[in-house]
Amino acid sequence: MTAFTYECDLDHPVSAEVEKTIRDVLKELLSSQGLEGVLVNPGLDHDGDPVLFVHLKFRLVKPGIDPEILSQSTISVSRALWKMGERRFPHLRYDFHDDQRILGTENW
């Protein structure tokens, strides 16, 4: 279990098909951005609704990560899950290398 998962979440397991779909969509979209791994856990959001917590681990890439590509990841995963009948919302958490640059944020 992760920090986001509670015992009651075990009533809402993630099927192998759902996990594969999430991984496939993210791999296609984010491999060029340094995606190294994806971990999917069921959980409950702050309202107690079942959701999918998706932890994405990235390696350091040069010149940097494109935020426009990242912004498409939740939408793409949600659409793929909806098509297969999965109604839990995917909450994506991005874990970047400490030295990672995000393109376009140099002057923030």
PDB file of N, CA and C in Angstrom:
ATOM      1  N   MET A   1       0.837  -1.191   0.000  1.00  0.00           N
ATOM      2  CA  MET A   1       0.000   0.000   0.000  1.00  0.00           C
ATOM      3  C   MET A   1       0.879   1.251   0.000  1.00  0.00           C
ATOM      4  N   THR A   2       0.396   2.295  -0.622  1.00  0.00           N
ATOM      5  CA  THR A   2       1.103   3.564  -0.628  1.00  0.00           C
ATOM      6  C   THR A   2       0.468   4.493   0.386  1.00  0.00           C
ATOM      7  N   ALA A   3       1.018   5.691   0.477  1.00  0.00           N
ATOM      8  CA  ALA A   3       0.463   6.688   1.389  1.00  0.00           C
ATOM      9  C   ALA A   3      -0.958   7.060   0.990  1.00  0.00           C
ATOM     10  N   PHE A   4      -1.327   6.827  -0.265  1.00  0.00           N
ATOM     11  CA  PHE A   4      -2.651   7.196  -0.746  1.00  0.00           C
ATOM     12  C   PHE A   4      -3.683   6.080  -0.581  1.00  0.00           C
ATOM     13  N   THR A   5      -3.251   4.902  -0.194  1.00  0.00           N
ATOM     14  CA  THR A   5      -4.118   3.740  -0.199  1.00  0.00           C
ATOM     15  C   THR A   5      -4.506   3.338   1.215  1.00  0.00           C
ATOM     16  N   TYR A   6      -5.747   2.945   1.383  1.00  0.00           N
ATOM     17  CA  TYR A   6      -6.263   2.516   2.674  1.00  0.00           C
ATOM     18  C   TYR A   6      -6.814   1.106   2.531  1.00  0.00           C
ATOM     19  N   GLU A   7      -7.032   0.421   3.642  1.00  0.00           N
ATOM     20  CA  GLU A   7      -7.536  -0.956   3.594  1.00  0.00           C
ATOM     21  C   GLU A   7      -8.841  -1.068   2.812  1.00  0.00           C
ATOM     22  N   CYS A   8      -9.728  -0.081   2.955  1.00  0.00           N
ATOM     23  CA  CYS A   8     -11.018  -0.156   2.271  1.00  0.00           C
ATOM     24  C   CYS A   8     -10.864  -0.095   0.754  1.00  0.00           C
ATOM     25  N   ASP A   9      -9.712   0.383   0.259  1.00  0.00           N
ATOM     26  CA  ASP A   9      -9.480   0.456  -1.183  1.00  0.00           C
ATOM     27  C   ASP A   9      -9.305  -0.914  -1.806  1.00  0.00           C
ATOM     28  N   LEU A  10      -9.017  -1.909  -0.994  1.00  0.00           N
ATOM     29  CA  LEU A  10      -8.794  -3.242  -1.526  1.00  0.00           C
ATOM     30  C   LEU A  10     -10.061  -3.820  -2.144  1.00  0.00           C
ATOM     31  N   ASP A  11     -11.216  -3.209  -1.854  1.00  0.00           N
ATOM     32  CA  ASP A  11     -12.477  -3.615  -2.484  1.00  0.00           C
ATOM     33  C   ASP A  11     -12.556  -3.150  -3.931  1.00  0.00           C
ATOM     34  N   HIS A  12     -11.626  -2.299  -4.343  1.00  0.00           N
ATOM     35  CA  HIS A  12     -11.626  -1.730  -5.693  1.00  0.00           C
ATOM     36  C   HIS A  12     -10.291  -2.004  -6.381  1.00  0.00           C
ATOM     37  N   PRO A  13      -9.952  -3.262  -6.630  1.00  0.00           N
ATOM     38  CA  PRO A  13      -8.641  -3.558  -7.222  1.00  0.00           C
ATOM     39  C   PRO A  13      -8.521  -3.019  -8.648  1.00  0.00           C
ATOM     40  N   VAL A  14      -7.292  -2.880  -9.086  1.00  0.00           N
ATOM     41  CA  VAL A  14      -7.008  -2.448 -10.453  1.00  0.00           C
ATOM     42  C   VAL A  14      -6.795  -3.708 -11.283  1.00  0.00           C
ATOM     43  N   SER A  15      -7.608  -3.884 -12.311  1.00  0.00           N
ATOM     44  CA  SER A  15      -7.464  -5.072 -13.154  1.00  0.00           C
ATOM     45  C   SER A  15      -6.189  -4.979 -13.985  1.00  0.00           C
ATOM     46  N   ALA A  16      -5.701  -6.115 -14.422  1.00  0.00           N
ATOM     47  CA  ALA A  16      -4.508  -6.161 -15.271  1.00  0.00           C
ATOM     48  C   ALA A  16      -4.754  -5.395 -16.569  1.00  0.00           C
ATOM     49  N   GLU A  17      -5.969  -5.476 -17.090  1.00  0.00           N
ATOM     50  CA  GLU A  17      -6.310  -4.777 -18.334  1.00  0.00           C
ATOM     51  C   GLU A  17      -6.252  -3.261 -18.153  1.00  0.00           C
ATOM     52  N   VAL A  18      -6.772  -2.772 -17.034  1.00  0.00           N
ATOM     53  CA  VAL A  18      -6.743  -1.332 -16.757  1.00  0.00           C
ATOM     54  C   VAL A  18      -5.301  -0.870 -16.579  1.00  0.00           C
ATOM     55  N   GLU A  19      -4.525  -1.613 -15.820  1.00  0.00           N
ATOM     56  CA  GLU A  19      -3.134  -1.228 -15.595  1.00  0.00           C
ATOM     57  C   GLU A  19      -2.340  -1.231 -16.906  1.00  0.00           C
ATOM     58  N   LYS A  20      -2.556  -2.225 -17.747  1.00  0.00           N
ATOM     59  CA  LYS A  20      -1.862  -2.292 -19.029  1.00  0.00           C
ATOM     60  C   LYS A  20      -2.249  -1.106 -19.918  1.00  0.00           C
ATOM     61  N   THR A  21      -3.527  -0.770 -19.933  1.00  0.00           N
ATOM     62  CA  THR A  21      -3.988   0.374 -20.724  1.00  0.00           C
ATOM     63  C   THR A  21      -3.313   1.658 -20.272  1.00  0.00           C
ATOM     64  N   ILE A  22      -3.269   1.880 -18.967  1.00  0.00           N
ATOM     65  CA  ILE A  22      -2.622   3.080 -18.431  1.00  0.00           C
ATOM     66  C   ILE A  22      -1.159   3.110 -18.838  1.00  0.00           C
ATOM     67  N   ARG A  23      -0.451   2.000 -18.644  1.00  0.00           N
ATOM     68  CA  ARG A  23       0.972   1.931 -18.989  1.00  0.00           C
ATOM     69  C   ARG A  23       1.197   2.167 -20.488  1.00  0.00           C
ATOM     70  N   ASP A  24       0.361   1.542 -21.321  1.00  0.00           N
ATOM     71  CA  ASP A  24       0.527   1.681 -22.772  1.00  0.00           C
ATOM     72  C   ASP A  24       0.324   3.129 -23.223  1.00  0.00           C
ATOM     73  N   VAL A  25      -0.720   3.774 -22.722  1.00  0.00           N
ATOM     74  CA  VAL A  25      -1.005   5.166 -23.097  1.00  0.00           C
ATOM     75  C   VAL A  25       0.136   6.072 -22.657  1.00  0.00           C
ATOM     76  N   LEU A  26       0.579   5.906 -21.414  1.00  0.00           N
ATOM     77  CA  LEU A  26       1.642   6.768 -20.896  1.00  0.00           C
ATOM     78  C   LEU A  26       2.977   6.499 -21.574  1.00  0.00           C
ATOM     79  N   LYS A  27       3.259   5.242 -21.868  1.00  0.00           N
ATOM     80  CA  LYS A  27       4.510   4.913 -22.554  1.00  0.00           C
ATOM     81  C   LYS A  27       4.549   5.568 -23.935  1.00  0.00           C
ATOM     82  N   GLU A  28       3.448   5.473 -24.656  1.00  0.00           N
ATOM     83  CA  GLU A  28       3.391   6.081 -25.992  1.00  0.00           C
ATOM     84  C   GLU A  28       3.563   7.598 -25.923  1.00  0.00           C
ATOM     85  N   LEU A  29       2.943   8.209 -24.944  1.00  0.00           N
ATOM     86  CA  LEU A  29       2.950   9.666 -24.835  1.00  0.00           C
ATOM     87  C   LEU A  29       4.223  10.221 -24.199  1.00  0.00           C
ATOM     88  N   LEU A  30       4.758   9.525 -23.192  1.00  0.00           N
ATOM     89  CA  LEU A  30       5.808  10.124 -22.368  1.00  0.00           C
ATOM     90  C   LEU A  30       7.185   9.463 -22.444  1.00  0.00           C
ATOM     91  N   SER A  31       7.356   8.450 -23.262  1.00  0.00           N
ATOM     92  CA  SER A  31       8.685   7.825 -23.375  1.00  0.00           C
ATOM     93  C   SER A  31       9.748   8.844 -23.776  1.00  0.00           C
ATOM     94  N   SER A  32       9.408   9.731 -24.687  1.00  0.00           N
ATOM     95  CA  SER A  32      10.362  10.744 -25.136  1.00  0.00           C
ATOM     96  C   SER A  32      10.676  11.765 -24.049  1.00  0.00           C
ATOM     97  N   GLN A  33       9.872  11.787 -23.004  1.00  0.00           N
ATOM     98  CA  GLN A  33      10.062  12.725 -21.901  1.00  0.00           C
ATOM     99  C   GLN A  33      10.814  12.087 -20.728  1.00  0.00           C
ATOM    100  N   GLY A  34      11.258  10.852 -20.894  1.00  0.00           N
ATOM    101  CA  GLY A  34      12.061  10.203 -19.872  1.00  0.00           C
ATOM    102  C   GLY A  34      11.284   9.296 -18.928  1.00  0.00           C
ATOM    103  N   LEU A  35      10.078   8.904 -19.299  1.00  0.00           N
ATOM    104  CA  LEU A  35       9.293   8.022 -18.433  1.00  0.00           C
ATOM    105  C   LEU A  35      10.044   6.714 -18.213  1.00  0.00           C
ATOM    106  N   GLU A  36      10.244   6.365 -16.935  1.00  0.00           N
ATOM    107  CA  GLU A  36      10.939   5.130 -16.576  1.00  0.00           C
ATOM    108  C   GLU A  36      10.007   4.082 -16.007  1.00  0.00           C
ATOM    109  N   GLY A  37       8.994   4.501 -15.271  1.00  0.00           N
ATOM    110  CA  GLY A  37       8.127   3.541 -14.623  1.00  0.00           C
ATOM    111  C   GLY A  37       6.787   4.128 -14.248  1.00  0.00           C
ATOM    112  N   VAL A  38       5.815   3.218 -14.123  1.00  0.00           N
ATOM    113  CA  VAL A  38       4.450   3.599 -13.771  1.00  0.00           C
ATOM    114  C   VAL A  38       3.959   2.645 -12.697  1.00  0.00           C
ATOM    115  N   LEU A  39       3.424   3.197 -11.631  1.00  0.00           N
ATOM    116  CA  LEU A  39       2.845   2.410 -10.560  1.00  0.00           C
ATOM    117  C   LEU A  39       1.393   2.846 -10.386  1.00  0.00           C
ATOM    118  N   VAL A  40       0.453   1.895 -10.441  1.00  0.00           N
ATOM    119  CA  VAL A  40      -0.967   2.201 -10.336  1.00  0.00           C
ATOM    120  C   VAL A  40      -1.523   1.571  -9.062  1.00  0.00           C
ATOM    121  N   ASN A  41      -2.185   2.398  -8.262  1.00  0.00           N
ATOM    122  CA  ASN A  41      -2.814   1.918  -7.033  1.00  0.00           C
ATOM    123  C   ASN A  41      -4.238   2.439  -6.936  1.00  0.00           C
ATOM    124  N   PRO A  42      -5.159   1.606  -6.473  1.00  0.00           N
ATOM    125  CA  PRO A  42      -6.508   2.103  -6.219  1.00  0.00           C
ATOM    126  C   PRO A  42      -6.500   2.944  -4.955  1.00  0.00           C
ATOM    127  N   GLY A  43      -7.439   3.847  -4.872  1.00  0.00           N
ATOM    128  CA  GLY A  43      -7.530   4.678  -3.679  1.00  0.00           C
ATOM    129  C   GLY A  43      -8.852   5.411  -3.635  1.00  0.00           C
ATOM    130  N   LEU A  44      -8.972   6.254  -2.646  1.00  0.00           N
ATOM    131  CA  LEU A  44     -10.149   7.090  -2.478  1.00  0.00           C
ATOM    132  C   LEU A  44      -9.706   8.538  -2.483  1.00  0.00           C
ATOM    133  N   ASP A  45     -10.457   9.382  -3.186  1.00  0.00           N
ATOM    134  CA  ASP A  45     -10.108  10.795  -3.186  1.00  0.00           C
ATOM    135  C   ASP A  45     -10.603  11.455  -1.901  1.00  0.00           C
ATOM    136  N   HIS A  46     -10.457  12.762  -1.811  1.00  0.00           N
ATOM    137  CA  HIS A  46     -10.832  13.481  -0.592  1.00  0.00           C
ATOM    138  C   HIS A  46     -12.329  13.425  -0.292  1.00  0.00           C
ATOM    139  N   ASP A  47     -13.143  13.086  -1.287  1.00  0.00           N
ATOM    140  CA  ASP A  47     -14.584  12.928  -1.079  1.00  0.00           C
ATOM    141  C   ASP A  47     -14.973  11.484  -0.790  1.00  0.00           C
ATOM    142  N   GLY A  48     -14.004  10.592  -0.804  1.00  0.00           N
ATOM    143  CA  GLY A  48     -14.278   9.185  -0.558  1.00  0.00           C
ATOM    144  C   GLY A  48     -14.664   8.404  -1.801  1.00  0.00           C
ATOM    145  N   ASP A  49     -14.501   9.022  -2.976  1.00  0.00           N
ATOM    146  CA  ASP A  49     -14.813   8.339  -4.234  1.00  0.00           C
ATOM    147  C   ASP A  49     -13.618   7.516  -4.690  1.00  0.00           C
ATOM    148  N   PRO A  50     -13.860   6.325  -5.257  1.00  0.00           N
ATOM    149  CA  PRO A  50     -12.755   5.505  -5.757  1.00  0.00           C
ATOM    150  C   PRO A  50     -12.055   6.190  -6.934  1.00  0.00           C
ATOM    151  N   VAL A  51     -10.719   6.178  -6.904  1.00  0.00           N
ATOM    152  CA  VAL A  51      -9.903   6.767  -7.961  1.00  0.00           C
ATOM    153  C   VAL A  51      -8.711   5.852  -8.211  1.00  0.00           C
ATOM    154  N   LEU A  52      -7.929   6.201  -9.209  1.00  0.00           N
ATOM    155  CA  LEU A  52      -6.686   5.497  -9.507  1.00  0.00           C
ATOM    156  C   LEU A  52      -5.531   6.476  -9.298  1.00  0.00           C
ATOM    157  N   PHE A  53      -4.612   6.141  -8.390  1.00  0.00           N
ATOM    158  CA  PHE A  53      -3.423   6.944  -8.181  1.00  0.00           C
ATOM    159  C   PHE A  53      -2.320   6.361  -9.056  1.00  0.00           C
ATOM    160  N   VAL A  54      -1.806   7.194  -9.962  1.00  0.00           N
ATOM    161  CA  VAL A  54      -0.808   6.758 -10.933  1.00  0.00           C
ATOM    162  C   VAL A  54       0.474   7.548 -10.673  1.00  0.00           C
ATOM    163  N   HIS A  55       1.499   6.845 -10.229  1.00  0.00           N
ATOM    164  CA  HIS A  55       2.795   7.453  -9.923  1.00  0.00           C
ATOM    165  C   HIS A  55       3.709   7.241 -11.129  1.00  0.00           C
ATOM    166  N   LEU A  56       4.222   8.329 -11.690  1.00  0.00           N
ATOM    167  CA  LEU A  56       5.099   8.267 -12.853  1.00  0.00           C
ATOM    168  C   LEU A  56       6.504   8.684 -12.443  1.00  0.00           C
ATOM    169  N   LYS A  57       7.470   7.829 -12.730  1.00  0.00           N
ATOM    170  CA  LYS A  57       8.873   8.086 -12.407  1.00  0.00           C
ATOM    171  C   LYS A  57       9.611   8.404 -13.701  1.00  0.00           C
ATOM    172  N   PHE A  58      10.394   9.504 -13.679  1.00  0.00           N
ATOM    173  CA  PHE A  58      11.108   9.961 -14.863  1.00  0.00           C
ATOM    174  C   PHE A  58      12.615   9.993 -14.616  1.00  0.00           C
ATOM    175  N   ARG A  59      13.392   9.709 -15.665  1.00  0.00           N
ATOM    176  CA  ARG A  59      14.839   9.885 -15.621  1.00  0.00           C
ATOM    177  C   ARG A  59      15.144  11.308 -16.120  1.00  0.00           C
ATOM    178  N   LEU A  60      16.334  11.764 -15.884  1.00  0.00           N
ATOM    179  CA  LEU A  60      16.770  13.081 -16.330  1.00  0.00           C
ATOM    180  C   LEU A  60      16.901  13.090 -17.853  1.00  0.00           C
ATOM    181  N   VAL A  61      16.283  14.070 -18.515  1.00  0.00           N
ATOM    182  CA  VAL A  61      16.387  14.210 -19.975  1.00  0.00           C
ATOM    183  C   VAL A  61      16.815  15.630 -20.326  1.00  0.00           C
ATOM    184  N   LYS A  62      17.561  15.716 -21.404  1.00  0.00           N
ATOM    185  CA  LYS A  62      18.036  17.010 -21.916  1.00  0.00           C
ATOM    186  C   LYS A  62      17.355  17.257 -23.249  1.00  0.00           C
ATOM    187  N   PRO A  63      16.979  18.442 -23.615  1.00  0.00           N
ATOM    188  CA  PRO A  63      17.207  19.675 -22.871  1.00  0.00           C
ATOM    189  C   PRO A  63      16.201  19.882 -21.730  1.00  0.00           C
ATOM    190  N   GLY A  64      15.070  19.188 -21.785  1.00  0.00           N
ATOM    191  CA  GLY A  64      14.080  19.318 -20.718  1.00  0.00           C
ATOM    192  C   GLY A  64      12.769  18.652 -21.086  1.00  0.00           C
ATOM    193  N   ILE A  65      11.838  18.688 -20.151  1.00  0.00           N
ATOM    194  CA  ILE A  65      10.508  18.095 -20.323  1.00  0.00           C
ATOM    195  C   ILE A  65       9.586  19.121 -20.976  1.00  0.00           C
ATOM    196  N   ASP A  66       8.793  18.676 -21.921  1.00  0.00           N
ATOM    197  CA  ASP A  66       7.842  19.544 -22.610  1.00  0.00           C
ATOM    198  C   ASP A  66       6.515  19.538 -21.838  1.00  0.00           C
ATOM    199  N   PRO A  67       6.128  20.658 -21.220  1.00  0.00           N
ATOM    200  CA  PRO A  67       4.896  20.690 -20.418  1.00  0.00           C
ATOM    201  C   PRO A  67       3.623  20.472 -21.236  1.00  0.00           C
ATOM    202  N   GLU A  68       3.670  20.776 -22.523  1.00  0.00           N
ATOM    203  CA  GLU A  68       2.491  20.547 -23.366  1.00  0.00           C
ATOM    204  C   GLU A  68       2.203  19.049 -23.500  1.00  0.00           C
ATOM    205  N   ILE A  69       3.253  18.264 -23.606  1.00  0.00           N
ATOM    206  CA  ILE A  69       3.075  16.815 -23.679  1.00  0.00           C
ATOM    207  C   ILE A  69       2.561  16.286 -22.344  1.00  0.00           C
ATOM    208  N   LEU A  70       3.119  16.783 -21.250  1.00  0.00           N
ATOM    209  CA  LEU A  70       2.654  16.358 -19.925  1.00  0.00           C
ATOM    210  C   LEU A  70       1.172  16.671 -19.726  1.00  0.00           C
ATOM    211  N   SER A  71       0.741  17.826 -20.216  1.00  0.00           N
ATOM    212  CA  SER A  71      -0.651  18.234 -19.993  1.00  0.00           C
ATOM    213  C   SER A  71      -1.642  17.303 -20.675  1.00  0.00           C
ATOM    214  N   GLN A  72      -1.201  16.580 -21.672  1.00  0.00           N
ATOM    215  CA  GLN A  72      -2.080  15.649 -22.371  1.00  0.00           C
ATOM    216  C   GLN A  72      -2.216  14.306 -21.666  1.00  0.00           C
ATOM    217  N   SER A  73      -1.343  14.024 -20.705  1.00  0.00           N
ATOM    218  CA  SER A  73      -1.303  12.681 -20.123  1.00  0.00           C
ATOM    219  C   SER A  73      -2.575  12.304 -19.364  1.00  0.00           C
ATOM    220  N   THR A  74      -3.099  13.168 -18.519  1.00  0.00           N
ATOM    221  CA  THR A  74      -4.324  12.837 -17.776  1.00  0.00           C
ATOM    222  C   THR A  74      -5.504  12.687 -18.727  1.00  0.00           C
ATOM    223  N   ILE A  75      -5.594  13.578 -19.702  1.00  0.00           N
ATOM    224  CA  ILE A  75      -6.692  13.507 -20.671  1.00  0.00           C
ATOM    225  C   ILE A  75      -6.625  12.204 -21.463  1.00  0.00           C
ATOM    226  N   SER A  76      -5.441  11.856 -21.933  1.00  0.00           N
ATOM    227  CA  SER A  76      -5.272  10.637 -22.731  1.00  0.00           C
ATOM    228  C   SER A  76      -5.595   9.382 -21.931  1.00  0.00           C
ATOM    229  N   VAL A  77      -5.112   9.327 -20.691  1.00  0.00           N
ATOM    230  CA  VAL A  77      -5.405   8.170 -19.844  1.00  0.00           C
ATOM    231  C   VAL A  77      -6.905   8.107 -19.542  1.00  0.00           C
ATOM    232  N   SER A  78      -7.504   9.225 -19.202  1.00  0.00           N
ATOM    233  CA  SER A  78      -8.939   9.250 -18.891  1.00  0.00           C
ATOM    234  C   SER A  78      -9.783   8.757 -20.064  1.00  0.00           C
ATOM    235  N   ARG A  79      -9.465   9.218 -21.253  1.00  0.00           N
ATOM    236  CA  ARG A  79     -10.218   8.801 -22.447  1.00  0.00           C
ATOM    237  C   ARG A  79     -10.088   7.298 -22.695  1.00  0.00           C
ATOM    238  N   ALA A  80      -8.881   6.783 -22.560  1.00  0.00           N
ATOM    239  CA  ALA A  80      -8.660   5.350 -22.780  1.00  0.00           C
ATOM    240  C   ALA A  80      -9.418   4.523 -21.748  1.00  0.00           C
ATOM    241  N   LEU A  81      -9.408   4.961 -20.491  1.00  0.00           N
ATOM    242  CA  LEU A  81     -10.124   4.229 -19.443  1.00  0.00           C
ATOM    243  C   LEU A  81     -11.630   4.296 -19.650  1.00  0.00           C
ATOM    244  N   TRP A  82     -12.110   5.464 -20.031  1.00  0.00           N
ATOM    245  CA  TRP A  82     -13.548   5.639 -20.268  1.00  0.00           C
ATOM    246  C   TRP A  82     -14.022   4.694 -21.376  1.00  0.00           C
ATOM    247  N   LYS A  83     -13.228   4.565 -22.442  1.00  0.00           N
ATOM    248  CA  LYS A  83     -13.589   3.684 -23.562  1.00  0.00           C
ATOM    249  C   LYS A  83     -13.723   2.231 -23.126  1.00  0.00           C
ATOM    250  N   MET A  84     -12.945   1.830 -22.132  1.00  0.00           N
ATOM    251  CA  MET A  84     -13.005   0.441 -21.689  1.00  0.00           C
ATOM    252  C   MET A  84     -13.969   0.242 -20.522  1.00  0.00           C
ATOM    253  N   GLY A  85     -14.672   1.293 -20.125  1.00  0.00           N
ATOM    254  CA  GLY A  85     -15.677   1.171 -19.078  1.00  0.00           C
ATOM    255  C   GLY A  85     -15.178   1.452 -17.666  1.00  0.00           C
ATOM    256  N   GLU A  86     -13.924   1.852 -17.525  1.00  0.00           N
ATOM    257  CA  GLU A  86     -13.371   2.188 -16.207  1.00  0.00           C
ATOM    258  C   GLU A  86     -13.747   3.630 -15.884  1.00  0.00           C
ATOM    259  N   ARG A  87     -14.463   3.829 -14.775  1.00  0.00           N
ATOM    260  CA  ARG A  87     -14.971   5.158 -14.437  1.00  0.00           C
ATOM    261  C   ARG A  87     -14.169   5.878 -13.359  1.00  0.00           C
ATOM    262  N   ARG A  88     -13.191   5.210 -12.749  1.00  0.00           N
ATOM    263  CA  ARG A  88     -12.379   5.893 -11.741  1.00  0.00           C
ATOM    264  C   ARG A  88     -11.453   6.906 -12.416  1.00  0.00           C
ATOM    265  N   PHE A  89     -11.361   8.086 -11.823  1.00  0.00           N
ATOM    266  CA  PHE A  89     -10.518   9.138 -12.369  1.00  0.00           C
ATOM    267  C   PHE A  89      -9.059   8.853 -12.040  1.00  0.00           C
ATOM    268  N   PRO A  90      -8.159   9.001 -13.017  1.00  0.00           N
ATOM    269  CA  PRO A  90      -6.741   8.790 -12.749  1.00  0.00           C
ATOM    270  C   PRO A  90      -6.087  10.072 -12.212  1.00  0.00           C
ATOM    271  N   HIS A  91      -5.490   9.973 -11.048  1.00  0.00           N
ATOM    272  CA  HIS A  91      -4.727  11.078 -10.467  1.00  0.00           C
ATOM    273  C   HIS A  91      -3.260  10.795 -10.731  1.00  0.00           C
ATOM    274  N   LEU A  92      -2.633  11.577 -11.628  1.00  0.00           N
ATOM    275  CA  LEU A  92      -1.245  11.351 -12.001  1.00  0.00           C
ATOM    276  C   LEU A  92      -0.313  12.179 -11.125  1.00  0.00           C
ATOM    277  N   ARG A  93       0.728  11.520 -10.652  1.00  0.00           N
ATOM    278  CA  ARG A  93       1.762  12.195  -9.861  1.00  0.00           C
ATOM    279  C   ARG A  93       3.077  12.018 -10.599  1.00  0.00           C
ATOM    280  N   TYR A  94       3.721  13.134 -10.928  1.00  0.00           N
ATOM    281  CA  TYR A  94       4.951  13.123 -11.696  1.00  0.00           C
ATOM    282  C   TYR A  94       6.147  13.233 -10.756  1.00  0.00           C
ATOM    283  N   ASP A  95       7.059  12.282 -10.834  1.00  0.00           N
ATOM    284  CA  ASP A  95       8.258  12.267  -9.998  1.00  0.00           C
ATOM    285  C   ASP A  95       9.461  12.455 -10.913  1.00  0.00           C
ATOM    286  N   PHE A  96       9.949  13.700 -10.977  1.00  0.00           N
ATOM    287  CA  PHE A  96      11.069  14.042 -11.846  1.00  0.00           C
ATOM    288  C   PHE A  96      12.376  14.014 -11.077  1.00  0.00           C
ATOM    289  N   HIS A  97      13.465  13.834 -11.815  1.00  0.00           N
ATOM    290  CA  HIS A  97      14.815  13.947 -11.264  1.00  0.00           C
ATOM    291  C   HIS A  97      14.955  15.355 -10.666  1.00  0.00           C
ATOM    292  N   ASP A  98      15.708  15.472  -9.595  1.00  0.00           N
ATOM    293  CA  ASP A  98      15.878  16.763  -8.920  1.00  0.00           C
ATOM    294  C   ASP A  98      16.445  17.851  -9.830  1.00  0.00           C
ATOM    295  N   ASP A  99      17.245  17.477 -10.812  1.00  0.00           N
ATOM    296  CA  ASP A  99      17.879  18.452 -11.707  1.00  0.00           C
ATOM    297  C   ASP A  99      17.119  18.658 -13.019  1.00  0.00           C
ATOM    298  N   GLN A 100      15.925  18.094 -13.126  1.00  0.00           N
ATOM    299  CA  GLN A 100      15.180  18.156 -14.383  1.00  0.00           C
ATOM    300  C   GLN A 100      14.690  19.571 -14.677  1.00  0.00           C
ATOM    301  N   ARG A 101      14.883  20.008 -15.927  1.00  0.00           N
ATOM    302  CA  ARG A 101      14.336  21.279 -16.395  1.00  0.00           C
ATOM    303  C   ARG A 101      12.989  21.014 -17.048  1.00  0.00           C
ATOM    304  N   ILE A 102      12.064  21.928 -16.856  1.00  0.00           N
ATOM    305  CA  ILE A 102      10.785  21.921 -17.569  1.00  0.00           C
ATOM    306  C   ILE A 102      10.870  23.073 -18.568  1.00  0.00           C
ATOM    307  N   LEU A 103      10.775  22.748 -19.845  1.00  0.00           N
ATOM    308  CA  LEU A 103      10.938  23.763 -20.899  1.00  0.00           C
ATOM    309  C   LEU A 103       9.890  24.875 -20.737  1.00  0.00           C
ATOM    310  N   GLY A 104      10.336  26.096 -20.933  1.00  0.00           N
ATOM    311  CA  GLY A 104       9.441  27.233 -20.847  1.00  0.00           C
ATOM    312  C   GLY A 104       9.265  27.814 -19.452  1.00  0.00           C
ATOM    313  N   THR A 105       9.922  27.222 -18.465  1.00  0.00           N
ATOM    314  CA  THR A 105       9.772  27.728 -17.090  1.00  0.00           C
ATOM    315  C   THR A 105      11.041  28.422 -16.589  1.00  0.00           C
ATOM    316  N   GLU A 106      11.951  28.707 -17.482  1.00  0.00           N
ATOM    317  CA  GLU A 106      13.239  29.266 -17.096  1.00  0.00           C
ATOM    318  C   GLU A 106      13.099  30.613 -16.376  1.00  0.00           C
ATOM    319  N   ASN A 107      12.086  31.383 -16.704  1.00  0.00           N
ATOM    320  CA  ASN A 107      11.919  32.718 -16.115  1.00  0.00           C
ATOM    321  C   ASN A 107      10.889  32.770 -15.004  1.00  0.00           C
ATOM    322  N   TRP A 108      10.475  31.634 -14.509  1.00  0.00           N
ATOM    323  CA  TRP A 108       9.480  31.626 -13.428  1.00  0.00           C
ATOM    324  C   TRP A 108      10.118  31.956 -12.118  1.00  0.00           C
TER     325      TRP A 108
END
